[in-house]
């Protein structure tokens, strides 16, 4: 059984802040099953955008959700990440957006390979 989105997001924010990053909720989505997106801002003009990994991915034991980068390049300009999020929100108004500011670019979630 999957964790509710609101619980997962609250835990993600706590995890990031406990490890020295700054994390904030930018958009609240559907509490039970809203898709979760994460913007990582390295504070140096580079950003990344993560979203739900394709559902064909098998989840390893102990992993609730997998995330994947939503772009080809390793890093984007922050305005490119914002534009992509505007399009995602237009498509799915129930999504969650968490922004993490971390100079090391850590995501604090499990990434699909």
PDB file of N, CA and C in Angstrom:
ATOM      1  N   UNK A   1       0.846  -1.182   0.000  1.00  0.00           N
ATOM      2  CA  UNK A   1       0.000   0.000   0.000  1.00  0.00           C
ATOM      3  C   UNK A   1       0.886   1.238   0.000  1.00  0.00           C
ATOM      4  N   UNK A   2       0.546   2.187  -0.800  1.00  0.00           N
ATOM      5  CA  UNK A   2       1.336   3.396  -0.979  1.00  0.00           C
ATOM      6  C   UNK A   2       0.955   4.453   0.058  1.00  0.00           C
ATOM      7  N   UNK A   3       1.972   5.191   0.519  1.00  0.00           N
ATOM      8  CA  UNK A   3       1.721   6.309   1.431  1.00  0.00           C
ATOM      9  C   UNK A   3       0.893   7.377   0.736  1.00  0.00           C
ATOM     10  N   UNK A   4       0.050   8.033   1.484  1.00  0.00           N
ATOM     11  CA  UNK A   4      -0.687   9.175   0.944  1.00  0.00           C
ATOM     12  C   UNK A   4       0.321  10.240   0.512  1.00  0.00           C
ATOM     13  N   UNK A   5      -0.034  11.009  -0.497  1.00  0.00           N
ATOM     14  CA  UNK A   5       0.872  12.046  -1.004  1.00  0.00           C
ATOM     15  C   UNK A   5       1.206  13.084   0.052  1.00  0.00           C
ATOM     16  N   UNK A   6       0.220  13.492   0.854  1.00  0.00           N
ATOM     17  CA  UNK A   6       0.495  14.526   1.856  1.00  0.00           C
ATOM     18  C   UNK A   6       1.501  14.045   2.902  1.00  0.00           C
ATOM     19  N   UNK A   7       1.426  12.781   3.280  1.00  0.00           N
ATOM     20  CA  UNK A   7       2.368  12.226   4.261  1.00  0.00           C
ATOM     21  C   UNK A   7       3.759  12.102   3.641  1.00  0.00           C
ATOM     22  N   UNK A   8       3.832  11.632   2.392  1.00  0.00           N
ATOM     23  CA  UNK A   8       5.122  11.503   1.713  1.00  0.00           C
ATOM     24  C   UNK A   8       5.809  12.866   1.594  1.00  0.00           C
ATOM     25  N   UNK A   9       5.051  13.889   1.194  1.00  0.00           N
ATOM     26  CA  UNK A   9       5.616  15.234   1.030  1.00  0.00           C
ATOM     27  C   UNK A   9       6.109  15.784   2.365  1.00  0.00           C
ATOM     28  N   UNK A  10       5.329  15.627   3.418  1.00  0.00           N
ATOM     29  CA  UNK A  10       5.757  16.117   4.738  1.00  0.00           C
ATOM     30  C   UNK A  10       7.052  15.437   5.168  1.00  0.00           C
ATOM     31  N   UNK A  11       7.154  14.129   4.930  1.00  0.00           N
ATOM     32  CA  UNK A  11       8.377  13.401   5.292  1.00  0.00           C
ATOM     33  C   UNK A  11       9.558  13.846   4.436  1.00  0.00           C
ATOM     34  N   UNK A  12       9.330  14.096   3.155  1.00  0.00           N
ATOM     35  CA  UNK A  12      10.393  14.563   2.263  1.00  0.00           C
ATOM     36  C   UNK A  12      10.948  15.909   2.730  1.00  0.00           C
ATOM     37  N   UNK A  13      10.071  16.828   3.073  1.00  0.00           N
ATOM     38  CA  UNK A  13      10.513  18.146   3.541  1.00  0.00           C
ATOM     39  C   UNK A  13      11.318  18.001   4.824  1.00  0.00           C
ATOM     40  N   UNK A  14      10.842  17.182   5.752  1.00  0.00           N
ATOM     41  CA  UNK A  14      11.594  16.958   7.000  1.00  0.00           C
ATOM     42  C   UNK A  14      12.954  16.327   6.728  1.00  0.00           C
ATOM     43  N   UNK A  15      13.000  15.342   5.847  1.00  0.00           N
ATOM     44  CA  UNK A  15      14.255  14.655   5.526  1.00  0.00           C
ATOM     45  C   UNK A  15      15.270  15.636   4.926  1.00  0.00           C
ATOM     46  N   UNK A  16      14.833  16.449   3.988  1.00  0.00           N
ATOM     47  CA  UNK A  16      15.742  17.411   3.353  1.00  0.00           C
ATOM     48  C   UNK A  16      16.270  18.416   4.370  1.00  0.00           C
ATOM     49  N   UNK A  17      15.389  18.945   5.196  1.00  0.00           N
ATOM     50  CA  UNK A  17      15.815  19.946   6.177  1.00  0.00           C
ATOM     51  C   UNK A  17      16.705  19.335   7.248  1.00  0.00           C
ATOM     52  N   UNK A  18      16.465  18.089   7.621  1.00  0.00           N
ATOM     53  CA  UNK A  18      17.305  17.427   8.619  1.00  0.00           C
ATOM     54  C   UNK A  18      18.729  17.222   8.099  1.00  0.00           C
ATOM     55  N   UNK A  19      18.881  17.189   6.769  1.00  0.00           N
ATOM     56  CA  UNK A  19      20.203  16.991   6.180  1.00  0.00           C
ATOM     57  C   UNK A  19      20.815  18.292   5.668  1.00  0.00           C
ATOM     58  N   UNK A  20      20.264  19.421   6.104  1.00  0.00           N
ATOM     59  CA  UNK A  20      20.881  20.711   5.834  1.00  0.00           C
ATOM     60  C   UNK A  20      20.408  21.457   4.609  1.00  0.00           C
ATOM     61  N   UNK A  21      19.429  20.938   3.898  1.00  0.00           N
ATOM     62  CA  UNK A  21      18.883  21.637   2.737  1.00  0.00           C
ATOM     63  C   UNK A  21      17.681  22.472   3.185  1.00  0.00           C
ATOM     64  N   UNK A  22      17.255  23.353   2.315  1.00  0.00           N
ATOM     65  CA  UNK A  22      16.031  24.111   2.552  1.00  0.00           C
ATOM     66  C   UNK A  22      14.955  23.517   1.649  1.00  0.00           C
ATOM     67  N   UNK A  23      13.806  23.189   2.213  1.00  0.00           N
ATOM     68  CA  UNK A  23      12.731  22.589   1.425  1.00  0.00           C
ATOM     69  C   UNK A  23      11.422  23.288   1.743  1.00  0.00           C
ATOM     70  N   UNK A  24      10.622  23.496   0.709  1.00  0.00           N
ATOM     71  CA  UNK A  24       9.347  24.175   0.915  1.00  0.00           C
ATOM     72  C   UNK A  24       8.282  23.606  -0.007  1.00  0.00           C
ATOM     73  N   UNK A  25       7.066  23.651   0.463  1.00  0.00           N
ATOM     74  CA  UNK A  25       5.927  23.228  -0.335  1.00  0.00           C
ATOM     75  C   UNK A  25       5.515  24.406  -1.206  1.00  0.00           C
ATOM     76  N   UNK A  26       5.599  24.245  -2.513  1.00  0.00           N
ATOM     77  CA  UNK A  26       5.215  25.309  -3.435  1.00  0.00           C
ATOM     78  C   UNK A  26       3.775  25.160  -3.909  1.00  0.00           C
ATOM     79  N   UNK A  27       3.288  23.908  -3.948  1.00  0.00           N
ATOM     80  CA  UNK A  27       1.914  23.680  -4.400  1.00  0.00           C
ATOM     81  C   UNK A  27       1.368  22.443  -3.706  1.00  0.00           C
ATOM     82  N   UNK A  28       0.196  22.605  -3.114  1.00  0.00           N
ATOM     83  CA  UNK A  28      -0.472  21.495  -2.433  1.00  0.00           C
ATOM     84  C   UNK A  28      -1.425  20.830  -3.424  1.00  0.00           C
ATOM     85  N   UNK A  29      -1.303  19.521  -3.539  1.00  0.00           N
ATOM     86  CA  UNK A  29      -2.149  18.778  -4.466  1.00  0.00           C
ATOM     87  C   UNK A  29      -3.178  17.939  -3.734  1.00  0.00           C
ATOM     88  N   UNK A  30      -3.676  16.943  -4.419  1.00  0.00           N
ATOM     89  CA  UNK A  30      -4.656  16.031  -3.827  1.00  0.00           C
ATOM     90  C   UNK A  30      -3.980  15.242  -2.705  1.00  0.00           C
ATOM     91  N   UNK A  31      -4.599  15.242  -1.529  1.00  0.00           N
ATOM     92  CA  UNK A  31      -3.978  14.673  -0.328  1.00  0.00           C
ATOM     93  C   UNK A  31      -3.673  13.186  -0.457  1.00  0.00           C
ATOM     94  N   UNK A  32      -4.559  12.438  -1.054  1.00  0.00           N
ATOM     95  CA  UNK A  32      -4.380  10.988  -1.060  1.00  0.00           C
ATOM     96  C   UNK A  32      -3.493  10.481  -2.182  1.00  0.00           C
ATOM     97  N   UNK A  33      -3.643  11.024  -3.382  1.00  0.00           N
ATOM     98  CA  UNK A  33      -2.935  10.409  -4.511  1.00  0.00           C
ATOM     99  C   UNK A  33      -2.414  11.404  -5.541  1.00  0.00           C
ATOM    100  N   UNK A  34      -2.238  12.663  -5.173  1.00  0.00           N
ATOM    101  CA  UNK A  34      -1.711  13.634  -6.127  1.00  0.00           C
ATOM    102  C   UNK A  34      -0.285  13.297  -6.536  1.00  0.00           C
ATOM    103  N   UNK A  35       0.026  13.492  -7.813  1.00  0.00           N
ATOM    104  CA  UNK A  35       1.393  13.270  -8.302  1.00  0.00           C
ATOM    105  C   UNK A  35       2.328  14.272  -7.628  1.00  0.00           C
ATOM    106  N   UNK A  36       3.547  13.836  -7.338  1.00  0.00           N
ATOM    107  CA  UNK A  36       4.517  14.674  -6.633  1.00  0.00           C
ATOM    108  C   UNK A  36       5.655  15.021  -7.579  1.00  0.00           C
ATOM    109  N   UNK A  37       5.946  16.309  -7.677  1.00  0.00           N
ATOM    110  CA  UNK A  37       7.060  16.814  -8.470  1.00  0.00           C
ATOM    111  C   UNK A  37       8.019  17.529  -7.536  1.00  0.00           C
ATOM    112  N   UNK A  38       9.299  17.473  -7.879  1.00  0.00           N
ATOM    113  CA  UNK A  38      10.331  18.080  -7.038  1.00  0.00           C
ATOM    114  C   UNK A  38      11.226  18.938  -7.914  1.00  0.00           C
ATOM    115  N   UNK A  39      11.353  20.203  -7.549  1.00  0.00           N
ATOM    116  CA  UNK A  39      12.310  21.088  -8.212  1.00  0.00           C
ATOM    117  C   UNK A  39      13.512  21.203  -7.286  1.00  0.00           C
ATOM    118  N   UNK A  40      14.694  20.927  -7.831  1.00  0.00           N
ATOM    119  CA  UNK A  40      15.931  21.066  -7.068  1.00  0.00           C
ATOM    120  C   UNK A  40      16.650  22.294  -7.595  1.00  0.00           C
ATOM    121  N   UNK A  41      16.914  23.252  -6.734  1.00  0.00           N
ATOM    122  CA  UNK A  41      17.633  24.472  -7.102  1.00  0.00           C
ATOM    123  C   UNK A  41      18.998  24.432  -6.430  1.00  0.00           C
ATOM    124  N   UNK A  42      20.056  24.437  -7.241  1.00  0.00           N
ATOM    125  CA  UNK A  42      21.412  24.379  -6.688  1.00  0.00           C
ATOM    126  C   UNK A  42      21.913  25.753  -6.262  1.00  0.00           C
ATOM    127  N   UNK A  43      21.117  26.798  -6.473  1.00  0.00           N
ATOM    128  CA  UNK A  43      21.456  28.161  -6.059  1.00  0.00           C
ATOM    129  C   UNK A  43      22.660  28.714  -6.819  1.00  0.00           C
ATOM    130  N   UNK A  44      22.957  28.146  -7.982  1.00  0.00           N
ATOM    131  CA  UNK A  44      24.066  28.632  -8.804  1.00  0.00           C
ATOM    132  C   UNK A  44      23.647  28.756 -10.272  1.00  0.00           C
ATOM    133  N   UNK A  45      22.343  28.867 -10.510  1.00  0.00           N
ATOM    134  CA  UNK A  45      21.842  28.960 -11.876  1.00  0.00           C
ATOM    135  C   UNK A  45      21.521  27.615 -12.501  1.00  0.00           C
ATOM    136  N   UNK A  46      21.585  26.546 -11.721  1.00  0.00           N
ATOM    137  CA  UNK A  46      21.239  25.213 -12.214  1.00  0.00           C
ATOM    138  C   UNK A  46      20.085  24.659 -11.395  1.00  0.00           C
ATOM    139  N   UNK A  47      19.207  23.956 -12.090  1.00  0.00           N
ATOM    140  CA  UNK A  47      18.045  23.352 -11.428  1.00  0.00           C
ATOM    141  C   UNK A  47      17.744  22.016 -12.096  1.00  0.00           C
ATOM    142  N   UNK A  48      16.974  21.203 -11.421  1.00  0.00           N
ATOM    143  CA  UNK A  48      16.496  19.933 -11.972  1.00  0.00           C
ATOM    144  C   UNK A  48      15.031  19.785 -11.600  1.00  0.00           C
ATOM    145  N   UNK A  49      14.329  19.019 -12.388  1.00  0.00           N
ATOM    146  CA  UNK A  49      12.920  18.771 -12.125  1.00  0.00           C
ATOM    147  C   UNK A  49      12.691  17.266 -12.151  1.00  0.00           C
ATOM    148  N   UNK A  50      12.142  16.757 -11.065  1.00  0.00           N
ATOM    149  CA  UNK A  50      11.847  15.330 -10.939  1.00  0.00           C
ATOM    150  C   UNK A  50      10.343  15.130 -10.875  1.00  0.00           C
ATOM    151  N   UNK A  51       9.898  14.031 -11.441  1.00  0.00           N
ATOM    152  CA  UNK A  51       8.492  13.677 -11.379  1.00  0.00           C
ATOM    153  C   UNK A  51       8.356  12.179 -11.203  1.00  0.00           C
ATOM    154  N   UNK A  52       7.133  11.694 -11.135  1.00  0.00           N
ATOM    155  CA  UNK A  52       6.925  10.256 -10.952  1.00  0.00           C
ATOM    156  C   UNK A  52       7.580   9.462 -12.083  1.00  0.00           C
ATOM    157  N   UNK A  53       8.285   8.389 -11.722  1.00  0.00           N
ATOM    158  CA  UNK A  53       8.878   7.500 -12.725  1.00  0.00           C
ATOM    159  C   UNK A  53       7.755   6.725 -13.403  1.00  0.00           C
ATOM    160  N   UNK A  54       7.986   6.267 -14.626  1.00  0.00           N
ATOM    161  CA  UNK A  54       6.953   5.460 -15.298  1.00  0.00           C
ATOM    162  C   UNK A  54       6.520   4.289 -14.419  1.00  0.00           C
ATOM    163  N   UNK A  55       5.237   3.997 -14.431  1.00  0.00           N
ATOM    164  CA  UNK A  55       4.697   2.981 -13.534  1.00  0.00           C
ATOM    165  C   UNK A  55       5.136   1.570 -13.880  1.00  0.00           C
ATOM    166  N   UNK A  56       5.794   1.392 -15.015  1.00  0.00           N
ATOM    167  CA  UNK A  56       6.282   0.057 -15.356  1.00  0.00           C
ATOM    168  C   UNK A  56       7.481  -0.338 -14.498  1.00  0.00           C
ATOM    169  N   UNK A  57       8.061   0.636 -13.813  1.00  0.00           N
ATOM    170  CA  UNK A  57       9.202   0.357 -12.941  1.00  0.00           C
ATOM    171  C   UNK A  57       8.741  -0.467 -11.739  1.00  0.00           C
ATOM    172  N   UNK A  58       9.441  -1.569 -11.467  1.00  0.00           N
ATOM    173  CA  UNK A  58       9.165  -2.343 -10.261  1.00  0.00           C
ATOM    174  C   UNK A  58       9.802  -1.628  -9.085  1.00  0.00           C
ATOM    175  N   UNK A  59       9.073  -1.523  -8.006  1.00  0.00           N
ATOM    176  CA  UNK A  59       9.600  -0.849  -6.826  1.00  0.00           C
ATOM    177  C   UNK A  59      10.445  -1.811  -6.001  1.00  0.00           C
ATOM    178  N   UNK A  60      11.661  -1.410  -5.672  1.00  0.00           N
ATOM    179  CA  UNK A  60      12.473  -2.240  -4.771  1.00  0.00           C
ATOM    180  C   UNK A  60      11.813  -2.315  -3.394  1.00  0.00           C
ATOM    181  N   UNK A  61      12.166  -3.328  -2.623  1.00  0.00           N
ATOM    182  CA  UNK A  61      11.626  -3.460  -1.269  1.00  0.00           C
ATOM    183  C   UNK A  61      11.933  -2.208  -0.460  1.00  0.00           C
ATOM    184  N   UNK A  62      10.951  -1.731   0.282  1.00  0.00           N
ATOM    185  CA  UNK A  62      11.133  -0.578   1.149  1.00  0.00           C
ATOM    186  C   UNK A  62      11.038   0.762   0.443  1.00  0.00           C
ATOM    187  N   UNK A  63      10.745   0.765  -0.857  1.00  0.00           N
ATOM    188  CA  UNK A  63      10.641   2.012  -1.621  1.00  0.00           C
ATOM    189  C   UNK A  63       9.171   2.255  -1.935  1.00  0.00           C
ATOM    190  N   UNK A  64       8.675   3.436  -1.565  1.00  0.00           N
ATOM    191  CA  UNK A  64       7.270   3.761  -1.779  1.00  0.00           C
ATOM    192  C   UNK A  64       7.021   4.353  -3.163  1.00  0.00           C
ATOM    193  N   UNK A  65       7.947   5.177  -3.633  1.00  0.00           N
ATOM    194  CA  UNK A  65       7.806   5.849  -4.925  1.00  0.00           C
ATOM    195  C   UNK A  65       9.176   5.998  -5.567  1.00  0.00           C
ATOM    196  N   UNK A  66       9.189   5.951  -6.897  1.00  0.00           N
ATOM    197  CA  UNK A  66      10.404   6.244  -7.649  1.00  0.00           C
ATOM    198  C   UNK A  66      10.191   7.521  -8.443  1.00  0.00           C
ATOM    199  N   UNK A  67      11.248   8.295  -8.580  1.00  0.00           N
ATOM    200  CA  UNK A  67      11.198   9.546  -9.324  1.00  0.00           C
ATOM    201  C   UNK A  67      12.194   9.489 -10.471  1.00  0.00           C
ATOM    202  N   UNK A  68      11.950  10.315 -11.496  1.00  0.00           N
ATOM    203  CA  UNK A  68      12.843  10.393 -12.647  1.00  0.00           C
ATOM    204  C   UNK A  68      12.989  11.856 -13.054  1.00  0.00           C
ATOM    205  N   UNK A  69      14.153  12.185 -13.626  1.00  0.00           N
ATOM    206  CA  UNK A  69      14.349  13.531 -14.171  1.00  0.00           C
ATOM    207  C   UNK A  69      13.408  13.709 -15.353  1.00  0.00           C
ATOM    208  N   UNK A  70      12.876  14.909 -15.490  1.00  0.00           N
ATOM    209  CA  UNK A  70      11.930  15.190 -16.568  1.00  0.00           C
ATOM    210  C   UNK A  70      12.596  15.913 -17.728  1.00  0.00           C
ATOM    211  N   UNK A  71      13.916  15.793 -17.833  1.00  0.00           N
ATOM    212  CA  UNK A  71      14.660  16.473 -18.896  1.00  0.00           C
ATOM    213  C   UNK A  71      15.893  15.656 -19.244  1.00  0.00           C
ATOM    214  N   UNK A  72      16.417  15.872 -20.449  1.00  0.00           N
ATOM    215  CA  UNK A  72      17.572  15.104 -20.930  1.00  0.00           C
ATOM    216  C   UNK A  72      18.866  15.525 -20.251  1.00  0.00           C
ATOM    217  N   UNK A  73      19.113  16.828 -20.217  1.00  0.00           N
ATOM    218  CA  UNK A  73      20.353  17.327 -19.622  1.00  0.00           C
ATOM    219  C   UNK A  73      20.334  17.112 -18.118  1.00  0.00           C
ATOM    220  N   UNK A  74      21.529  17.030 -17.539  1.00  0.00           N
ATOM    221  CA  UNK A  74      21.590  16.827 -16.090  1.00  0.00           C
ATOM    222  C   UNK A  74      20.957  17.996 -15.341  1.00  0.00           C
ATOM    223  N   UNK A  75      21.182  19.222 -15.824  1.00  0.00           N
ATOM    224  CA  UNK A  75      20.666  20.420 -15.155  1.00  0.00           C
ATOM    225  C   UNK A  75      19.999  21.336 -16.163  1.00  0.00           C
ATOM    226  N   UNK A  76      19.034  22.104 -15.690  1.00  0.00           N
ATOM    227  CA  UNK A  76      18.314  23.116 -16.465  1.00  0.00           C
ATOM    228  C   UNK A  76      18.583  24.485 -15.869  1.00  0.00           C
ATOM    229  N   UNK A  77      18.219  25.502 -16.617  1.00  0.00           N
ATOM    230  CA  UNK A  77      18.154  26.839 -16.038  1.00  0.00           C
ATOM    231  C   UNK A  77      16.869  26.872 -15.197  1.00  0.00           C
ATOM    232  N   UNK A  78      16.865  27.586 -14.078  1.00  0.00           N
ATOM    233  CA  UNK A  78      15.657  27.613 -13.236  1.00  0.00           C
ATOM    234  C   UNK A  78      14.390  28.025 -13.982  1.00  0.00           C
ATOM    235  N   UNK A  79      14.497  28.976 -14.918  1.00  0.00           N
ATOM    236  CA  UNK A  79      13.291  29.397 -15.640  1.00  0.00           C
ATOM    237  C   UNK A  79      12.751  28.264 -16.521  1.00  0.00           C
ATOM    238  N   UNK A  80      13.621  27.380 -17.009  1.00  0.00           N
ATOM    239  CA  UNK A  80      13.161  26.231 -17.800  1.00  0.00           C
ATOM    240  C   UNK A  80      12.371  25.253 -16.926  1.00  0.00           C
ATOM    241  N   UNK A  81      12.840  25.049 -15.709  1.00  0.00           N
ATOM    242  CA  UNK A  81      12.114  24.179 -14.775  1.00  0.00           C
ATOM    243  C   UNK A  81      10.747  24.777 -14.441  1.00  0.00           C
ATOM    244  N   UNK A  82      10.705  26.092 -14.251  1.00  0.00           N
ATOM    245  CA  UNK A  82       9.424  26.755 -13.941  1.00  0.00           C
ATOM    246  C   UNK A  82       8.445  26.631 -15.104  1.00  0.00           C
ATOM    247  N   UNK A  83       8.940  26.795 -16.329  1.00  0.00           N
ATOM    248  CA  UNK A  83       8.072  26.673 -17.501  1.00  0.00           C
ATOM    249  C   UNK A  83       7.521  25.248 -17.615  1.00  0.00           C
ATOM    250  N   UNK A  84       8.351  24.269 -17.392  1.00  0.00           N
ATOM    251  CA  UNK A  84       7.889  22.875 -17.436  1.00  0.00           C
ATOM    252  C   UNK A  84       6.821  22.640 -16.371  1.00  0.00           C
ATOM    253  N   UNK A  85       7.012  23.197 -15.177  1.00  0.00           N
ATOM    254  CA  UNK A  85       6.017  23.018 -14.117  1.00  0.00           C
ATOM    255  C   UNK A  85       4.704  23.701 -14.470  1.00  0.00           C
ATOM    256  N   UNK A  86       4.758  24.846 -15.126  1.00  0.00           N
ATOM    257  CA  UNK A  86       3.508  25.493 -15.562  1.00  0.00           C
ATOM    258  C   UNK A  86       2.720  24.560 -16.487  1.00  0.00           C
ATOM    259  N   UNK A  87       3.430  23.892 -17.388  1.00  0.00           N
ATOM    260  CA  UNK A  87       2.751  22.955 -18.299  1.00  0.00           C
ATOM    261  C   UNK A  87       2.186  21.753 -17.543  1.00  0.00           C
ATOM    262  N   UNK A  88       2.949  21.235 -16.587  1.00  0.00           N
ATOM    263  CA  UNK A  88       2.471  20.092 -15.792  1.00  0.00           C
ATOM    264  C   UNK A  88       1.220  20.470 -14.999  1.00  0.00           C
ATOM    265  N   UNK A  89       1.217  21.660 -14.405  1.00  0.00           N
ATOM    266  CA  UNK A  89       0.063  22.112 -13.616  1.00  0.00           C
ATOM    267  C   UNK A  89      -1.162  22.298 -14.505  1.00  0.00           C
ATOM    268  N   UNK A  90      -0.963  22.801 -15.722  1.00  0.00           N
ATOM    269  CA  UNK A  90      -2.084  22.952 -16.654  1.00  0.00           C
ATOM    270  C   UNK A  90      -2.684  21.589 -17.000  1.00  0.00           C
ATOM    271  N   UNK A  91      -1.845  20.559 -17.031  1.00  0.00           N
ATOM    272  CA  UNK A  91      -2.294  19.205 -17.347  1.00  0.00           C
ATOM    273  C   UNK A  91      -2.926  18.521 -16.136  1.00  0.00           C
ATOM    274  N   UNK A  92      -2.379  18.751 -14.937  1.00  0.00           N
ATOM    275  CA  UNK A  92      -2.836  18.078 -13.712  1.00  0.00           C
ATOM    276  C   UNK A  92      -2.854  19.069 -12.554  1.00  0.00           C
ATOM    277  N   UNK A  93      -4.007  19.633 -12.286  1.00  0.00           N
ATOM    278  CA  UNK A  93      -4.125  20.652 -11.237  1.00  0.00           C
ATOM    279  C   UNK A  93      -4.006  20.076  -9.829  1.00  0.00           C
ATOM    280  N   UNK A  94      -4.032  18.745  -9.681  1.00  0.00           N
ATOM    281  CA  UNK A  94      -3.961  18.117  -8.359  1.00  0.00           C
ATOM    282  C   UNK A  94      -2.548  17.723  -7.944  1.00  0.00           C
ATOM    283  N   UNK A  95      -1.542  18.165  -8.687  1.00  0.00           N
ATOM    284  CA  UNK A  95      -0.173  17.753  -8.365  1.00  0.00           C
ATOM    285  C   UNK A  95       0.410  18.546  -7.202  1.00  0.00           C
ATOM    286  N   UNK A  96       1.437  17.968  -6.599  1.00  0.00           N
ATOM    287  CA  UNK A  96       2.207  18.599  -5.530  1.00  0.00           C
ATOM    288  C   UNK A  96       3.524  19.078  -6.121  1.00  0.00           C
ATOM    289  N   UNK A  97       4.038  20.204  -5.614  1.00  0.00           N
ATOM    290  CA  UNK A  97       5.365  20.672  -6.014  1.00  0.00           C
ATOM    291  C   UNK A  97       6.149  21.025  -4.760  1.00  0.00           C
ATOM    292  N   UNK A  98       7.268  20.339  -4.586  1.00  0.00           N
ATOM    293  CA  UNK A  98       8.190  20.613  -3.485  1.00  0.00           C
ATOM    294  C   UNK A  98       9.443  21.207  -4.105  1.00  0.00           C
ATOM    295  N   UNK A  99       9.927  22.299  -3.542  1.00  0.00           N
ATOM    296  CA  UNK A  99      11.193  22.875  -4.007  1.00  0.00           C
ATOM    297  C   UNK A  99      12.248  22.659  -2.935  1.00  0.00           C
ATOM    298  N   UNK A 100      13.382  22.139  -3.372  1.00  0.00           N
ATOM    299  CA  UNK A 100      14.512  21.900  -2.477  1.00  0.00           C
ATOM    300  C   UNK A 100      15.670  22.765  -2.943  1.00  0.00           C
ATOM    301  N   UNK A 101      16.199  23.572  -2.042  1.00  0.00           N
ATOM    302  CA  UNK A 101      17.394  24.361  -2.336  1.00  0.00           C
ATOM    303  C   UNK A 101      18.569  23.671  -1.665  1.00  0.00           C
ATOM    304  N   UNK A 102      19.488  23.177  -2.499  1.00  0.00           N
ATOM    305  CA  UNK A 102      20.624  22.429  -1.978  1.00  0.00           C
ATOM    306  C   UNK A 102      21.801  22.599  -2.937  1.00  0.00           C
ATOM    307  N   UNK A 103      22.875  23.159  -2.455  1.00  0.00           N
ATOM    308  CA  UNK A 103      24.051  23.412  -3.300  1.00  0.00           C
ATOM    309  C   UNK A 103      24.635  22.130  -3.885  1.00  0.00           C
ATOM    310  N   UNK A 104      24.419  20.995  -3.227  1.00  0.00           N
ATOM    311  CA  UNK A 104      24.919  19.716  -3.734  1.00  0.00           C
ATOM    312  C   UNK A 104      23.950  19.053  -4.717  1.00  0.00           C
ATOM    313  N   UNK A 105      22.756  19.603  -4.876  1.00  0.00           N
ATOM    314  CA  UNK A 105      21.788  19.059  -5.825  1.00  0.00           C
ATOM    315  C   UNK A 105      21.144  17.756  -5.399  1.00  0.00           C
ATOM    316  N   UNK A 106      21.082  17.510  -4.095  1.00  0.00           N
ATOM    317  CA  UNK A 106      20.479  16.259  -3.604  1.00  0.00           C
ATOM    318  C   UNK A 106      18.954  16.306  -3.733  1.00  0.00           C
ATOM    319  N   UNK A 107      18.371  15.142  -4.032  1.00  0.00           N
ATOM    320  CA  UNK A 107      16.913  15.074  -4.205  1.00  0.00           C
ATOM    321  C   UNK A 107      16.197  14.502  -2.989  1.00  0.00           C
ATOM    322  N   UNK A 108      16.872  13.668  -2.201  1.00  0.00           N
ATOM    323  CA  UNK A 108      16.306  13.051  -0.996  1.00  0.00           C
ATOM    324  C   UNK A 108      15.178  12.066  -1.291  1.00  0.00           C
ATOM    325  N   UNK A 109      15.089  11.594  -2.546  1.00  0.00           N
ATOM    326  CA  UNK A 109      14.108  10.577  -2.934  1.00  0.00           C
ATOM    327  C   UNK A 109      14.829   9.481  -3.715  1.00  0.00           C
ATOM    328  N   UNK A 110      14.138   8.367  -3.935  1.00  0.00           N
ATOM    329  CA  UNK A 110      14.686   7.267  -4.724  1.00  0.00           C
ATOM    330  C   UNK A 110      14.473   7.556  -6.206  1.00  0.00           C
ATOM    331  N   UNK A 111      15.560   7.446  -6.983  1.00  0.00           N
ATOM    332  CA  UNK A 111      15.500   7.729  -8.414  1.00  0.00           C
ATOM    333  C   UNK A 111      15.495   6.432  -9.219  1.00  0.00           C
ATOM    334  N   UNK A 112      14.673   6.402 -10.276  1.00  0.00           N
ATOM    335  CA  UNK A 112      14.675   5.265 -11.199  1.00  0.00           C
ATOM    336  C   UNK A 112      15.960   5.330 -12.017  1.00  0.00           C
ATOM    337  N   UNK A 113      16.512   4.188 -12.293  1.00  0.00           N
ATOM    338  CA  UNK A 113      17.776   4.161 -13.061  1.00  0.00           C
ATOM    339  C   UNK A 113      17.484   4.046 -14.535  1.00  0.00           C
TER     340      UNK A 113
END
